[in-house]
């Protein structure tokens, strides 16, 4: 699999809108993983995406202490797995919150509006990608730094 094919595979997984895993690092240096619901891709920066969460959630506190994070995606049949390394943190910009709220269809189920004080938006800036697809050769590593 070429780097271009790997990047197309990641885009497809993100655009399908299925659940994915966010990994953070806690205050004791241990990894913490949790399922997340949906992403909004940044319209101006291809390798930046956003996700919603409760503003006071544990993940927000972990990211403020250590911005290192990973996202994990799988295809429907689990034959392809994509891992994105990056740095993440909470966004306070109301325009970004508005864009994310509008891009994620389920937003109104959890938050009253982009101005809802309980709405937390995490910006994830990808630094590296690894894609593994069974039957398509070994892993493809892409360094974006």
C-alpha atoms as a PDB file:
ATOM      1  CA  UNK A   1       0.000   0.000   0.000  1.00  0.00           C
ATOM      2  CA  UNK A   2       1.370   3.425  -0.943  1.00  0.00           C
ATOM      3  CA  UNK A   3       1.318   6.483   1.337  1.00  0.00           C
ATOM      4  CA  UNK A   4      -1.427   8.003  -0.851  1.00  0.00           C
ATOM      5  CA  UNK A   5      -3.559   4.853  -0.496  1.00  0.00           C
ATOM      6  CA  UNK A   6      -2.952   4.856   3.260  1.00  0.00           C
ATOM      7  CA  UNK A   7      -4.024   8.513   3.551  1.00  0.00           C
ATOM      8  CA  UNK A   8      -7.142   7.785   1.468  1.00  0.00           C
ATOM      9  CA  UNK A   9      -7.957   4.862   3.778  1.00  0.00           C
ATOM     10  CA  UNK A  10      -7.701   7.116   6.855  1.00  0.00           C
ATOM     11  CA  UNK A  11      -9.891   9.800   5.243  1.00  0.00           C
ATOM     12  CA  UNK A  12     -12.499   7.174   4.402  1.00  0.00           C
ATOM     13  CA  UNK A  13     -12.524   5.811   7.978  1.00  0.00           C
ATOM     14  CA  UNK A  14     -12.960   9.310   9.408  1.00  0.00           C
ATOM     15  CA  UNK A  15     -15.651  10.285   6.907  1.00  0.00           C
ATOM     16  CA  UNK A  16     -17.688   7.153   7.684  1.00  0.00           C
ATOM     17  CA  UNK A  17     -18.405   8.716  11.082  1.00  0.00           C
ATOM     18  CA  UNK A  18     -18.120   5.543  13.138  1.00  0.00           C
ATOM     19  CA  UNK A  19     -16.893   5.358  16.700  1.00  0.00           C
ATOM     20  CA  UNK A  20     -13.163   5.485  17.300  1.00  0.00           C
ATOM     21  CA  UNK A  21     -10.788   5.339  20.266  1.00  0.00           C
ATOM     22  CA  UNK A  22      -9.013   8.327  21.834  1.00  0.00           C
ATOM     23  CA  UNK A  23      -5.968   7.549  23.966  1.00  0.00           C
ATOM     24  CA  UNK A  24      -4.540  10.062  26.427  1.00  0.00           C
ATOM     25  CA  UNK A  25      -1.946   9.900  29.200  1.00  0.00           C
ATOM     26  CA  UNK A  26      -3.000  10.305  32.841  1.00  0.00           C
ATOM     27  CA  UNK A  27      -1.087  12.155  35.588  1.00  0.00           C
ATOM     28  CA  UNK A  28       0.785   8.952  36.492  1.00  0.00           C
ATOM     29  CA  UNK A  29       1.945   8.390  32.912  1.00  0.00           C
ATOM     30  CA  UNK A  30      -0.518   5.572  32.200  1.00  0.00           C
ATOM     31  CA  UNK A  31      -2.436   5.362  28.931  1.00  0.00           C
ATOM     32  CA  UNK A  32      -6.193   5.935  29.084  1.00  0.00           C
ATOM     33  CA  UNK A  33      -8.460   4.929  26.210  1.00  0.00           C
ATOM     34  CA  UNK A  34     -12.094   5.687  25.572  1.00  0.00           C
ATOM     35  CA  UNK A  35     -14.616   5.347  22.780  1.00  0.00           C
ATOM     36  CA  UNK A  36     -15.560   8.582  21.055  1.00  0.00           C
ATOM     37  CA  UNK A  37     -18.517   9.254  18.805  1.00  0.00           C
ATOM     38  CA  UNK A  38     -17.666  11.493  15.855  1.00  0.00           C
ATOM     39  CA  UNK A  39     -15.055  13.788  14.391  1.00  0.00           C
ATOM     40  CA  UNK A  40     -15.199  17.028  12.487  1.00  0.00           C
ATOM     41  CA  UNK A  41     -12.345  17.550  10.055  1.00  0.00           C
ATOM     42  CA  UNK A  42     -10.765  20.992   9.898  1.00  0.00           C
ATOM     43  CA  UNK A  43     -11.712  22.515   6.521  1.00  0.00           C
ATOM     44  CA  UNK A  44      -8.360  24.334   6.244  1.00  0.00           C
ATOM     45  CA  UNK A  45      -5.888  21.808   7.725  1.00  0.00           C
ATOM     46  CA  UNK A  46      -6.166  18.277   6.395  1.00  0.00           C
ATOM     47  CA  UNK A  47      -4.502  16.579   9.358  1.00  0.00           C
ATOM     48  CA  UNK A  48      -6.376  18.450  12.088  1.00  0.00           C
ATOM     49  CA  UNK A  49      -9.685  17.262  13.457  1.00  0.00           C
ATOM     50  CA  UNK A  50     -12.027  18.082  16.319  1.00  0.00           C
ATOM     51  CA  UNK A  51     -14.181  16.069  18.689  1.00  0.00           C
ATOM     52  CA  UNK A  52     -16.790  17.008  21.274  1.00  0.00           C
ATOM     53  CA  UNK A  53     -16.795  16.029  24.929  1.00  0.00           C
ATOM     54  CA  UNK A  54     -17.948  17.314  28.295  1.00  0.00           C
ATOM     55  CA  UNK A  55     -15.860  20.377  29.146  1.00  0.00           C
ATOM     56  CA  UNK A  56     -15.115  18.988  32.621  1.00  0.00           C
ATOM     57  CA  UNK A  57     -14.271  15.453  31.499  1.00  0.00           C
ATOM     58  CA  UNK A  58     -11.246  13.517  32.672  1.00  0.00           C
ATOM     59  CA  UNK A  59      -9.809  13.468  29.135  1.00  0.00           C
ATOM     60  CA  UNK A  60      -9.701  17.282  29.091  1.00  0.00           C
ATOM     61  CA  UNK A  61      -7.721  17.313  32.334  1.00  0.00           C
ATOM     62  CA  UNK A  62      -5.349  14.651  31.023  1.00  0.00           C
ATOM     63  CA  UNK A  63      -4.723  16.607  27.828  1.00  0.00           C
ATOM     64  CA  UNK A  64      -4.001  19.785  29.774  1.00  0.00           C
ATOM     65  CA  UNK A  65      -1.304  17.867  31.677  1.00  0.00           C
ATOM     66  CA  UNK A  66       0.081  16.027  28.632  1.00  0.00           C
ATOM     67  CA  UNK A  67      -1.092  16.856  25.095  1.00  0.00           C
ATOM     68  CA  UNK A  68       0.218  13.589  23.598  1.00  0.00           C
ATOM     69  CA  UNK A  69      -2.689  11.565  22.231  1.00  0.00           C
ATOM     70  CA  UNK A  70      -3.639   8.882  19.727  1.00  0.00           C
ATOM     71  CA  UNK A  71      -6.724   8.094  17.688  1.00  0.00           C
ATOM     72  CA  UNK A  72      -7.529   4.548  16.542  1.00  0.00           C
ATOM     73  CA  UNK A  73      -9.900   3.738  13.678  1.00  0.00           C
ATOM     74  CA  UNK A  74     -10.952   0.431  12.148  1.00  0.00           C
ATOM     75  CA  UNK A  75     -12.768  -0.533   8.992  1.00  0.00           C
ATOM     76  CA  UNK A  76     -16.168  -2.235   9.302  1.00  0.00           C
ATOM     77  CA  UNK A  77     -14.604  -5.659   8.823  1.00  0.00           C
ATOM     78  CA  UNK A  78     -11.561  -4.849  11.024  1.00  0.00           C
ATOM     79  CA  UNK A  79      -9.224  -5.682   8.130  1.00  0.00           C
ATOM     80  CA  UNK A  80      -7.752  -2.148   8.204  1.00  0.00           C
ATOM     81  CA  UNK A  81      -6.566  -0.306  11.290  1.00  0.00           C
ATOM     82  CA  UNK A  82      -5.360   3.287  11.340  1.00  0.00           C
ATOM     83  CA  UNK A  83      -3.541   4.889  14.257  1.00  0.00           C
ATOM     84  CA  UNK A  84      -2.949   8.627  14.337  1.00  0.00           C
ATOM     85  CA  UNK A  85      -0.389  10.126  16.728  1.00  0.00           C
ATOM     86  CA  UNK A  86      -0.755  13.757  17.624  1.00  0.00           C
ATOM     87  CA  UNK A  87      -1.090  16.567  20.087  1.00  0.00           C
ATOM     88  CA  UNK A  88      -4.465  17.592  21.442  1.00  0.00           C
ATOM     89  CA  UNK A  89      -6.004  20.227  23.635  1.00  0.00           C
ATOM     90  CA  UNK A  90      -9.201  22.073  24.461  1.00  0.00           C
ATOM     91  CA  UNK A  91     -10.382  24.837  22.126  1.00  0.00           C
ATOM     92  CA  UNK A  92     -12.086  27.983  23.446  1.00  0.00           C
ATOM     93  CA  UNK A  93     -12.676  29.723  20.095  1.00  0.00           C
ATOM     94  CA  UNK A  94     -16.452  30.106  19.625  1.00  0.00           C
ATOM     95  CA  UNK A  95     -16.198  30.018  15.810  1.00  0.00           C
ATOM     96  CA  UNK A  96     -14.425  26.644  15.970  1.00  0.00           C
ATOM     97  CA  UNK A  97     -16.991  25.370  18.468  1.00  0.00           C
ATOM     98  CA  UNK A  98     -19.774  26.503  16.128  1.00  0.00           C
ATOM     99  CA  UNK A  99     -18.148  24.732  13.144  1.00  0.00           C
ATOM    100  CA  UNK A 100     -17.738  21.503  15.134  1.00  0.00           C
ATOM    101  CA  UNK A 101     -21.264  21.641  16.585  1.00  0.00           C
ATOM    102  CA  UNK A 102     -22.732  22.044  13.099  1.00  0.00           C
ATOM    103  CA  UNK A 103     -20.491  19.353  11.558  1.00  0.00           C
ATOM    104  CA  UNK A 104     -21.450  16.635  14.051  1.00  0.00           C
ATOM    105  CA  UNK A 105     -25.130  15.672  13.588  1.00  0.00           C
ATOM    106  CA  UNK A 106     -25.542  14.297  17.135  1.00  0.00           C
ATOM    107  CA  UNK A 107     -24.369  17.522  18.836  1.00  0.00           C
ATOM    108  CA  UNK A 108     -27.880  18.671  19.857  1.00  0.00           C
ATOM    109  CA  UNK A 109     -28.442  15.361  21.685  1.00  0.00           C
ATOM    110  CA  UNK A 110     -25.684  16.245  24.140  1.00  0.00           C
ATOM    111  CA  UNK A 111     -25.279  20.038  24.084  1.00  0.00           C
ATOM    112  CA  UNK A 112     -27.840  22.829  23.779  1.00  0.00           C
ATOM    113  CA  UNK A 113     -25.731  25.008  21.454  1.00  0.00           C
ATOM    114  CA  UNK A 114     -22.136  25.909  20.585  1.00  0.00           C
ATOM    115  CA  UNK A 115     -22.293  28.350  23.502  1.00  0.00           C
ATOM    116  CA  UNK A 116     -23.237  25.607  25.997  1.00  0.00           C
ATOM    117  CA  UNK A 117     -20.670  25.842  28.835  1.00  0.00           C
ATOM    118  CA  UNK A 118     -20.651  22.041  29.074  1.00  0.00           C
ATOM    119  CA  UNK A 119     -19.466  21.700  25.465  1.00  0.00           C
ATOM    120  CA  UNK A 120     -15.785  20.915  25.252  1.00  0.00           C
ATOM    121  CA  UNK A 121     -14.088  20.769  21.869  1.00  0.00           C
ATOM    122  CA  UNK A 122     -10.761  18.994  21.508  1.00  0.00           C
ATOM    123  CA  UNK A 123      -8.440  19.889  18.627  1.00  0.00           C
ATOM    124  CA  UNK A 124      -6.273  16.959  17.490  1.00  0.00           C
ATOM    125  CA  UNK A 125      -3.281  17.829  15.306  1.00  0.00           C
ATOM    126  CA  UNK A 126      -1.865  14.722  13.668  1.00  0.00           C
ATOM    127  CA  UNK A 127       1.906  14.242  13.686  1.00  0.00           C
ATOM    128  CA  UNK A 128       2.120  10.667  12.330  1.00  0.00           C
ATOM    129  CA  UNK A 129      -0.130   8.004  10.852  1.00  0.00           C
ATOM    130  CA  UNK A 130       0.188   4.235  10.675  1.00  0.00           C
ATOM    131  CA  UNK A 131      -2.145   2.149   8.522  1.00  0.00           C
ATOM    132  CA  UNK A 132      -2.251  -1.652   8.467  1.00  0.00           C
ATOM    133  CA  UNK A 133      -4.567  -3.494   6.084  1.00  0.00           C
ATOM    134  CA  UNK A 134      -4.591  -7.277   5.953  1.00  0.00           C
ATOM    135  CA  UNK A 135      -3.574  -8.541   2.534  1.00  0.00           C
ATOM    136  CA  UNK A 136      -2.067  -5.197   1.467  1.00  0.00           C
ATOM    137  CA  UNK A 137       1.491  -5.546   2.732  1.00  0.00           C
ATOM    138  CA  UNK A 138       3.027  -4.387   5.975  1.00  0.00           C
ATOM    139  CA  UNK A 139       2.241  -1.242   7.921  1.00  0.00           C
ATOM    140  CA  UNK A 140       2.575   2.129   6.222  1.00  0.00           C
ATOM    141  CA  UNK A 141       4.114   4.821   8.450  1.00  0.00           C
ATOM    142  CA  UNK A 142       3.674   8.476   7.530  1.00  0.00           C
ATOM    143  CA  UNK A 143       5.515  11.187   9.488  1.00  0.00           C
ATOM    144  CA  UNK A 144       3.739  14.549   9.174  1.00  0.00           C
ATOM    145  CA  UNK A 145       6.193  16.665  11.174  1.00  0.00           C
END
